[in-house]
Protein backbone atom coordinates (compact mmCIF):
# COMPACT_ATOMS: atom_id res chain seq x y z
CA MET A 1 108.75 202.14 77.33
CA THR A 2 112.25 201.66 78.65
CA GLU A 3 112.27 201.03 82.38
CA GLY A 4 113.40 204.08 84.37
CA VAL A 5 113.04 206.43 81.38
CA LYS A 6 110.26 209.03 81.40
CA THR A 7 108.68 209.51 77.99
CA PHE A 8 106.89 212.67 76.89
CA ASN A 9 104.76 213.04 73.76
CA THR A 10 106.19 216.55 73.31
CA ALA A 11 108.22 218.98 75.38
CA VAL A 12 104.98 220.91 75.96
CA GLU A 13 103.90 218.01 78.16
CA ALA A 14 107.03 218.48 80.30
CA THR A 15 106.24 222.18 80.68
CA LEU A 16 102.67 221.43 81.69
CA GLU A 17 103.90 218.86 84.20
CA VAL A 18 105.43 221.76 86.15
CA MET A 19 103.06 224.66 85.50
CA GLY A 20 99.89 222.96 84.35
CA GLY A 21 96.51 223.30 86.01
CA LYS A 22 94.20 226.16 86.80
CA TRP A 23 96.18 227.98 89.48
CA LYS A 24 99.90 227.32 88.99
CA PRO A 25 100.31 229.61 85.96
CA VAL A 26 98.34 232.33 87.77
CA ILE A 27 100.52 232.03 90.88
CA LEU A 28 103.67 232.10 88.76
CA PHE A 29 102.43 235.09 86.77
CA HIS A 30 101.79 237.11 89.93
CA LEU A 31 105.23 236.19 91.25
CA THR A 32 106.84 237.67 88.11
CA PHE A 33 106.00 241.04 89.69
CA GLY A 34 107.91 240.25 92.88
CA ARG A 35 107.67 238.44 96.20
CA LYS A 36 104.23 237.82 97.58
CA ARG A 37 102.89 236.76 100.94
CA ASN A 38 100.19 234.12 101.16
CA GLY A 39 97.51 236.71 101.91
CA GLU A 40 98.54 238.81 98.91
CA LEU A 41 98.17 235.80 96.61
CA LEU A 42 94.74 235.07 98.08
CA ARG A 43 93.66 238.68 97.40
CA LEU A 44 94.98 238.49 93.85
CA MET A 45 93.16 235.20 93.26
CA PRO A 46 89.88 235.46 95.20
CA ALA A 47 88.46 232.22 93.73
CA VAL A 48 91.27 229.98 95.03
CA SER A 49 90.92 228.31 98.43
CA GLN A 50 93.68 228.43 101.04
CA LYS A 51 94.04 224.64 100.81
CA VAL A 52 94.53 224.66 97.04
CA LEU A 53 96.89 227.65 97.15
CA THR A 54 99.06 225.93 99.77
CA GLN A 55 99.10 222.69 97.78
CA GLN A 56 100.01 224.45 94.52
CA LEU A 57 102.76 226.49 96.19
CA ARG A 58 104.25 223.32 97.71
CA GLU A 59 104.26 221.59 94.32
CA LEU A 60 105.88 224.60 92.66
CA GLU A 61 108.48 224.63 95.43
CA GLU A 62 109.15 220.90 94.94
CA ASP A 63 109.64 221.53 91.22
CA GLY A 64 112.22 224.20 92.00
CA VAL A 65 110.43 227.16 90.42
CA VAL A 66 109.25 228.87 93.62
CA SER A 67 111.09 229.39 96.87
CA ARG A 68 109.50 229.86 100.27
CA ILE A 69 111.19 232.47 102.45
CA THR A 70 110.49 232.26 106.17
CA HIS A 71 111.23 235.31 108.30
CA HIS A 72 111.70 234.33 111.93
CA GLU A 73 109.64 236.98 113.63
CA VAL A 74 106.39 237.26 115.56
CA PRO A 75 103.95 236.86 113.98
CA PRO A 76 105.66 234.52 111.50
CA LYS A 77 106.13 235.98 108.03
CA VAL A 78 106.39 233.79 104.93
CA GLU A 79 106.93 235.05 101.40
CA TYR A 80 107.12 233.31 98.05
CA GLU A 81 109.27 234.25 95.09
CA LEU A 82 110.44 232.78 91.82
CA THR A 83 113.76 230.96 91.84
CA ASP A 84 116.26 231.63 89.05
CA TYR A 85 114.80 228.57 87.34
CA GLY A 86 111.28 229.94 87.87
CA TRP A 87 112.25 233.25 86.26
CA SER A 88 112.89 231.32 83.04
CA LEU A 89 109.07 230.98 82.78
CA LYS A 90 108.43 234.76 82.78
CA GLU A 91 108.34 235.19 79.01
CA ILE A 92 106.00 232.23 78.56
CA LEU A 93 103.65 233.52 81.28
CA HIS A 94 103.51 237.03 79.86
CA LEU A 95 102.92 235.68 76.35
CA MET A 96 100.06 233.59 77.76
CA CYS A 97 98.65 236.75 79.31
CA ARG A 98 98.78 238.64 76.02
CA TRP A 99 97.20 235.72 74.16
CA GLY A 100 94.50 235.57 76.84
CA ASP A 101 93.75 239.29 76.40
CA SER A 102 93.27 238.73 72.65
CA HIS A 103 91.14 235.65 73.28
CA ILE A 104 88.91 237.52 75.74
CA ASP A 105 88.41 240.34 73.23
CA ARG A 106 87.67 237.91 70.39
CA VAL A 107 85.31 235.59 72.25
CA TYR A 108 83.72 237.74 74.95
CA GLY A 109 84.21 241.35 73.86
CA LEU A 110 82.79 243.65 76.51
CA LYS A 111 81.08 240.77 78.34
CA ALA A 112 84.21 239.84 80.28
CA ARG A 113 86.63 241.54 82.61
CA VAL A 114 90.13 240.85 83.87
CA LEU A 115 90.63 241.49 87.58
CA HIS A 116 94.39 242.01 87.48
CA GLU A 117 95.65 243.38 84.19
CA GLY A 118 99.37 242.71 83.96
CA GLY A 119 99.83 242.03 87.66
CA ALA A 120 101.13 244.73 89.98
CA THR A 121 102.54 247.05 87.33
CA GLY A 122 99.55 247.31 84.99
CA THR A 123 101.52 246.07 81.98
CA THR A 124 101.79 242.69 80.31
């Protein structure tokens, strides 16, 4: 490997470097339906811990796909939203959702459920 040059096996690897893992795609998907406060994200993803959510949001912010908006009021209000760069992931995320729906039907049939179909709007 050339020193100072990052090498990827495929461009998929570069995509997964930003949005890979269990919770990042879920966070990003929910943000495609608009700004969310920390508590809203926790309600939408009841299995994630506050620590992990905070860590994942920070990493997404560092990668430039999520922005943190702080409202200077009492009590403090913080919201998260996709950046313009983050919005470029919307189509991928919604395609993943549709593929996941098909996969659930194929593998689990009626023995599975999806808590949040299509995010806030009910569509994918």
